[in-house]
Amino acid sequence: MFQASFLYMPPKPTFFHIELGPSSVKNKKKVFSTGMLRAGQGRERELQLGSELPSGGVPGPGDAPAVVHLQGQGSAIQVKNGGVLNDWSRITMNPKVFKLHARSGELEVLVDGTYFIYSQVEVYYINFTDFASYEVVVDEKPFLQCTRSIETGKTNFNTCYTAGVCLLKARQKIAVKMVHADISINMSKHTTFFGAIRLGDAPAS
């Protein structure tokens, strides 16, 4: 009796490959994926083609957080009770999101969102004052407060830093306001500064 045997060969996978043209590589405006479909496979694989990405595959400038950083102009000033600091020098500021009112020292936000606000002040203690305090105010209402004291026999100056996250509406104003009277501030660019970063949109309520 004649016997025959058969060897089953599974179907070979089929590959689809797409070559990037010189212009596409140069511009880097489209990213193409190579996909693979295997015969006999029970489900489909998605083949993503032509998905848009910014040049270089990284987020564009419009996606970056908006930043403002102000620092002291380098001279010592005397602040009276409740005085708002206004001797600021702009180092960086996104004009579409922030506006500095130089005369009043207030920083206005132009876009709703979630903001990280920070500040540091270097204080000189005079007239036997043994502590100093300042506030970061939003529309003249306290949002953050920083208080530092001086140790007996130590140097008569100190720095005080505070920071926090706040939901702000467009046209609200932020400022740094000293609380106590007869305080001398060293407006050094390295020790006295003020700024904010827009982290993104406000959370949905």
Protein backbone atom coordinates (compact mmCIF):
# COMPACT_ATOMS: atom_id res chain seq x y z
CA MET A 1 0.00 0.00 0.00
CA PHE A 2 1.27 3.40 -0.91
CA GLN A 3 1.48 5.85 1.98
CA ALA A 4 1.97 9.57 1.57
CA SER A 5 2.84 12.09 4.26
CA PHE A 6 2.26 15.82 4.10
CA LEU A 7 4.20 18.47 5.97
CA TYR A 8 2.04 21.46 6.93
CA MET A 9 3.79 24.78 6.37
CA PRO A 10 2.19 27.78 8.17
CA PRO A 11 1.69 30.83 6.03
CA LYS A 12 4.59 33.22 6.02
CA PRO A 13 4.03 36.64 7.59
CA THR A 14 3.53 39.47 5.20
CA PHE A 15 5.42 42.67 5.90
CA PHE A 16 4.50 46.14 4.75
CA HIS A 17 7.28 48.71 4.82
CA ILE A 18 7.06 52.36 3.89
CA GLU A 19 10.16 54.28 2.91
CA LEU A 20 10.53 57.90 4.00
CA GLY A 21 11.32 60.23 1.15
CA PRO A 22 14.13 62.80 1.44
CA SER A 23 11.71 65.70 1.83
CA SER A 24 9.85 63.96 4.66
CA VAL A 25 13.09 63.21 6.50
CA LYS A 26 14.28 66.76 6.09
CA ASN A 27 11.09 68.40 7.33
CA LYS A 28 10.37 65.83 10.06
CA LYS A 29 6.74 66.91 9.97
CA LYS A 30 5.27 63.42 9.60
CA VAL A 31 6.14 60.19 11.31
CA PHE A 32 5.25 56.95 9.54
CA SER A 33 4.95 53.61 11.32
CA THR A 34 5.81 50.24 9.85
CA GLY A 35 3.08 47.73 10.36
CA MET A 36 2.88 43.95 10.09
CA LEU A 37 -0.13 41.79 9.26
CA ARG A 38 0.13 38.07 9.91
CA ALA A 39 -2.00 35.70 7.89
CA GLY A 40 -4.49 33.72 9.97
CA GLN A 41 -4.37 36.24 12.83
CA GLY A 42 -7.80 36.66 14.39
CA ARG A 43 -7.63 40.44 14.95
CA GLU A 44 -6.50 43.47 13.03
CA ARG A 45 -3.54 45.60 13.89
CA GLU A 46 -3.85 49.30 13.49
CA LEU A 47 -1.44 50.81 11.03
CA GLN A 48 -0.85 54.40 11.95
CA LEU A 49 0.28 56.53 9.07
CA GLY A 50 0.98 60.23 8.78
CA SER A 51 0.41 61.17 12.44
CA GLU A 52 1.32 64.81 12.90
CA LEU A 53 4.11 65.77 15.31
CA PRO A 54 5.96 69.06 15.74
CA SER A 55 9.40 69.36 14.21
CA GLY A 56 11.84 67.11 16.04
CA GLY A 57 9.03 65.12 17.70
CA VAL A 58 8.86 67.41 20.73
CA PRO A 59 6.11 69.78 21.94
CA GLY A 60 6.18 73.18 20.29
CA PRO A 61 6.63 76.52 22.06
CA GLY A 62 2.88 76.94 22.38
CA ASP A 63 2.72 73.85 24.60
CA ALA A 64 5.41 75.02 27.03
CA PRO A 65 4.41 76.54 30.39
CA ALA A 66 4.26 80.35 30.37
CA VAL A 67 6.80 81.89 32.74
CA VAL A 68 7.50 85.27 34.33
CA HIS A 69 10.52 85.97 36.55
CA LEU A 70 11.19 89.33 38.19
CA GLN A 71 14.21 90.21 40.31
CA GLY A 72 15.44 93.13 42.35
CA GLN A 73 17.27 95.98 40.67
CA GLY A 74 20.23 95.82 43.04
CA SER A 75 19.65 98.62 45.56
CA ALA A 76 18.45 98.63 49.16
CA ILE A 77 15.06 100.27 49.75
CA GLN A 78 13.07 101.20 52.83
CA VAL A 79 9.49 100.04 52.92
CA LYS A 80 6.77 101.55 55.06
CA ASN A 81 3.95 99.59 56.65
CA GLY A 82 1.97 97.67 54.05
CA GLY A 83 4.27 98.70 51.21
CA VAL A 84 4.11 96.75 47.94
CA LEU A 85 7.50 96.07 46.36
CA ASN A 86 7.74 97.64 42.92
CA ASP A 87 11.46 97.86 42.14
CA TRP A 88 11.39 94.87 39.82
CA SER A 89 13.49 94.12 36.78
CA ARG A 90 11.96 91.79 34.18
CA ILE A 91 14.21 88.84 33.33
CA THR A 92 11.72 86.80 31.35
CA MET A 93 8.00 87.24 30.75
CA ASN A 94 5.43 85.80 28.36
CA PRO A 95 3.47 88.91 27.28
CA LYS A 96 0.46 86.82 26.19
CA VAL A 97 -0.04 85.52 29.73
CA PHE A 98 1.47 88.16 32.06
CA LYS A 99 1.59 91.96 32.31
CA LEU A 100 3.73 93.88 34.80
CA HIS A 101 2.40 97.17 36.18
CA ALA A 102 5.77 98.76 36.97
CA ARG A 103 4.41 101.72 38.93
CA SER A 104 2.30 99.65 41.35
CA GLY A 105 4.50 96.51 41.33
CA GLU A 106 1.50 94.32 40.50
CA LEU A 107 1.72 91.37 38.14
CA GLU A 108 -1.47 90.81 36.15
CA VAL A 109 -2.42 87.46 34.64
CA LEU A 110 -4.16 87.63 31.27
CA VAL A 111 -5.32 84.01 30.97
CA ASP A 112 -7.37 81.78 33.28
CA GLY A 113 -5.43 78.83 34.65
CA THR A 114 -3.50 77.08 37.39
CA TYR A 115 -0.41 79.03 38.46
CA PHE A 116 2.64 78.26 40.58
CA ILE A 117 3.63 81.49 42.37
CA TYR A 118 6.91 82.00 44.21
CA SER A 119 8.79 84.79 45.95
CA GLN A 120 11.87 85.45 48.05
CA VAL A 121 12.81 88.64 49.90
CA GLU A 122 16.04 89.56 51.70
CA VAL A 123 15.26 91.66 54.76
CA TYR A 124 17.51 93.90 56.90
CA TYR A 125 16.34 94.25 60.50
CA ILE A 126 16.45 97.82 61.87
CA ASN A 127 14.93 99.74 64.80
CA PHE A 128 15.26 96.68 67.08
CA THR A 129 12.87 94.64 64.93
CA ASP A 130 13.58 90.97 65.53
CA PHE A 131 11.35 89.51 62.84
CA ALA A 132 9.99 90.45 59.43
CA SER A 133 7.05 89.26 57.38
CA TYR A 134 5.66 89.69 53.91
CA GLU A 135 2.68 88.41 51.95
CA VAL A 136 2.03 87.41 48.39
CA VAL A 137 -1.38 88.94 47.71
CA VAL A 138 -3.91 88.25 44.97
CA ASP A 139 -6.18 91.23 44.33
CA GLU A 140 -4.87 92.68 47.62
CA LYS A 141 -5.98 89.59 49.58
CA PRO A 142 -3.31 87.44 51.31
CA PHE A 143 -2.52 84.21 49.50
CA LEU A 144 0.90 83.30 50.96
CA GLN A 145 2.85 84.64 53.95
CA CYS A 146 6.49 84.26 54.94
CA THR A 147 7.93 85.24 58.34
CA ARG A 148 11.52 84.99 59.54
CA SER A 149 13.23 86.04 62.76
CA ILE A 150 16.80 87.01 63.59
CA GLU A 151 18.91 85.20 66.16
CA THR A 152 20.56 87.29 68.87
CA GLY A 153 24.17 88.01 68.06
CA LYS A 154 23.82 86.89 64.44
CA THR A 155 23.83 88.98 61.28
CA ASN A 156 20.93 91.41 60.96
CA PHE A 157 19.62 90.14 57.63
CA ASN A 158 17.79 87.07 56.44
CA THR A 159 15.98 85.69 53.40
CA CYS A 160 12.41 84.39 53.38
CA TYR A 161 10.99 82.18 50.60
CA THR A 162 7.42 81.05 49.98
CA ALA A 163 5.54 79.41 47.11
CA GLY A 164 2.17 77.89 46.30
CA VAL A 165 -0.31 76.91 43.59
CA CYS A 166 -3.36 79.06 42.89
CA LEU A 167 -6.29 79.08 40.46
CA LEU A 168 -6.44 82.50 38.84
CA LYS A 169 -8.83 84.25 36.51
CA ALA A 170 -7.79 86.65 33.79
CA ARG A 171 -7.14 90.21 35.05
CA GLN A 172 -6.34 89.15 38.62
CA LYS A 173 -3.21 90.77 40.05
CA ILE A 174 -0.40 89.37 42.20
CA ALA A 175 1.99 91.42 44.33
CA VAL A 176 4.57 91.14 47.12
CA LYS A 177 3.55 93.19 50.14
CA MET A 178 5.56 93.83 53.32
CA VAL A 179 3.58 93.49 56.54
CA HIS A 180 5.65 95.30 59.18
CA ALA A 181 6.88 98.89 59.32
CA ASP A 182 10.43 100.23 58.96
CA ILE A 183 11.79 97.30 57.02
CA SER A 184 14.78 97.66 54.73
CA ILE A 185 14.84 95.34 51.71
CA ASN A 186 17.94 94.36 49.79
CA MET A 187 16.71 94.28 46.19
CA SER A 188 19.64 92.16 45.03
CA LYS A 189 18.88 90.12 41.92
CA HIS A 190 20.22 87.00 43.64
CA THR A 191 18.24 87.23 46.88
CA THR A 192 15.00 89.11 46.15
CA PHE A 193 12.81 87.83 43.33
CA PHE A 194 9.22 87.10 42.36
CA GLY A 195 7.61 85.04 39.63
CA ALA A 196 4.91 82.71 38.38
CA ILE A 197 4.49 79.75 36.05
CA ARG A 198 1.22 78.87 34.34
CA LEU A 199 0.95 75.11 34.78
CA GLY A 200 -2.15 74.66 32.63
CA ASP A 201 -5.88 75.14 32.53
CA ALA A 202 -7.90 75.15 35.72
CA PRO A 203 -9.40 71.72 36.63
CA ALA A 204 -12.96 71.18 35.48
CA SER A 205 -15.39 71.78 38.31
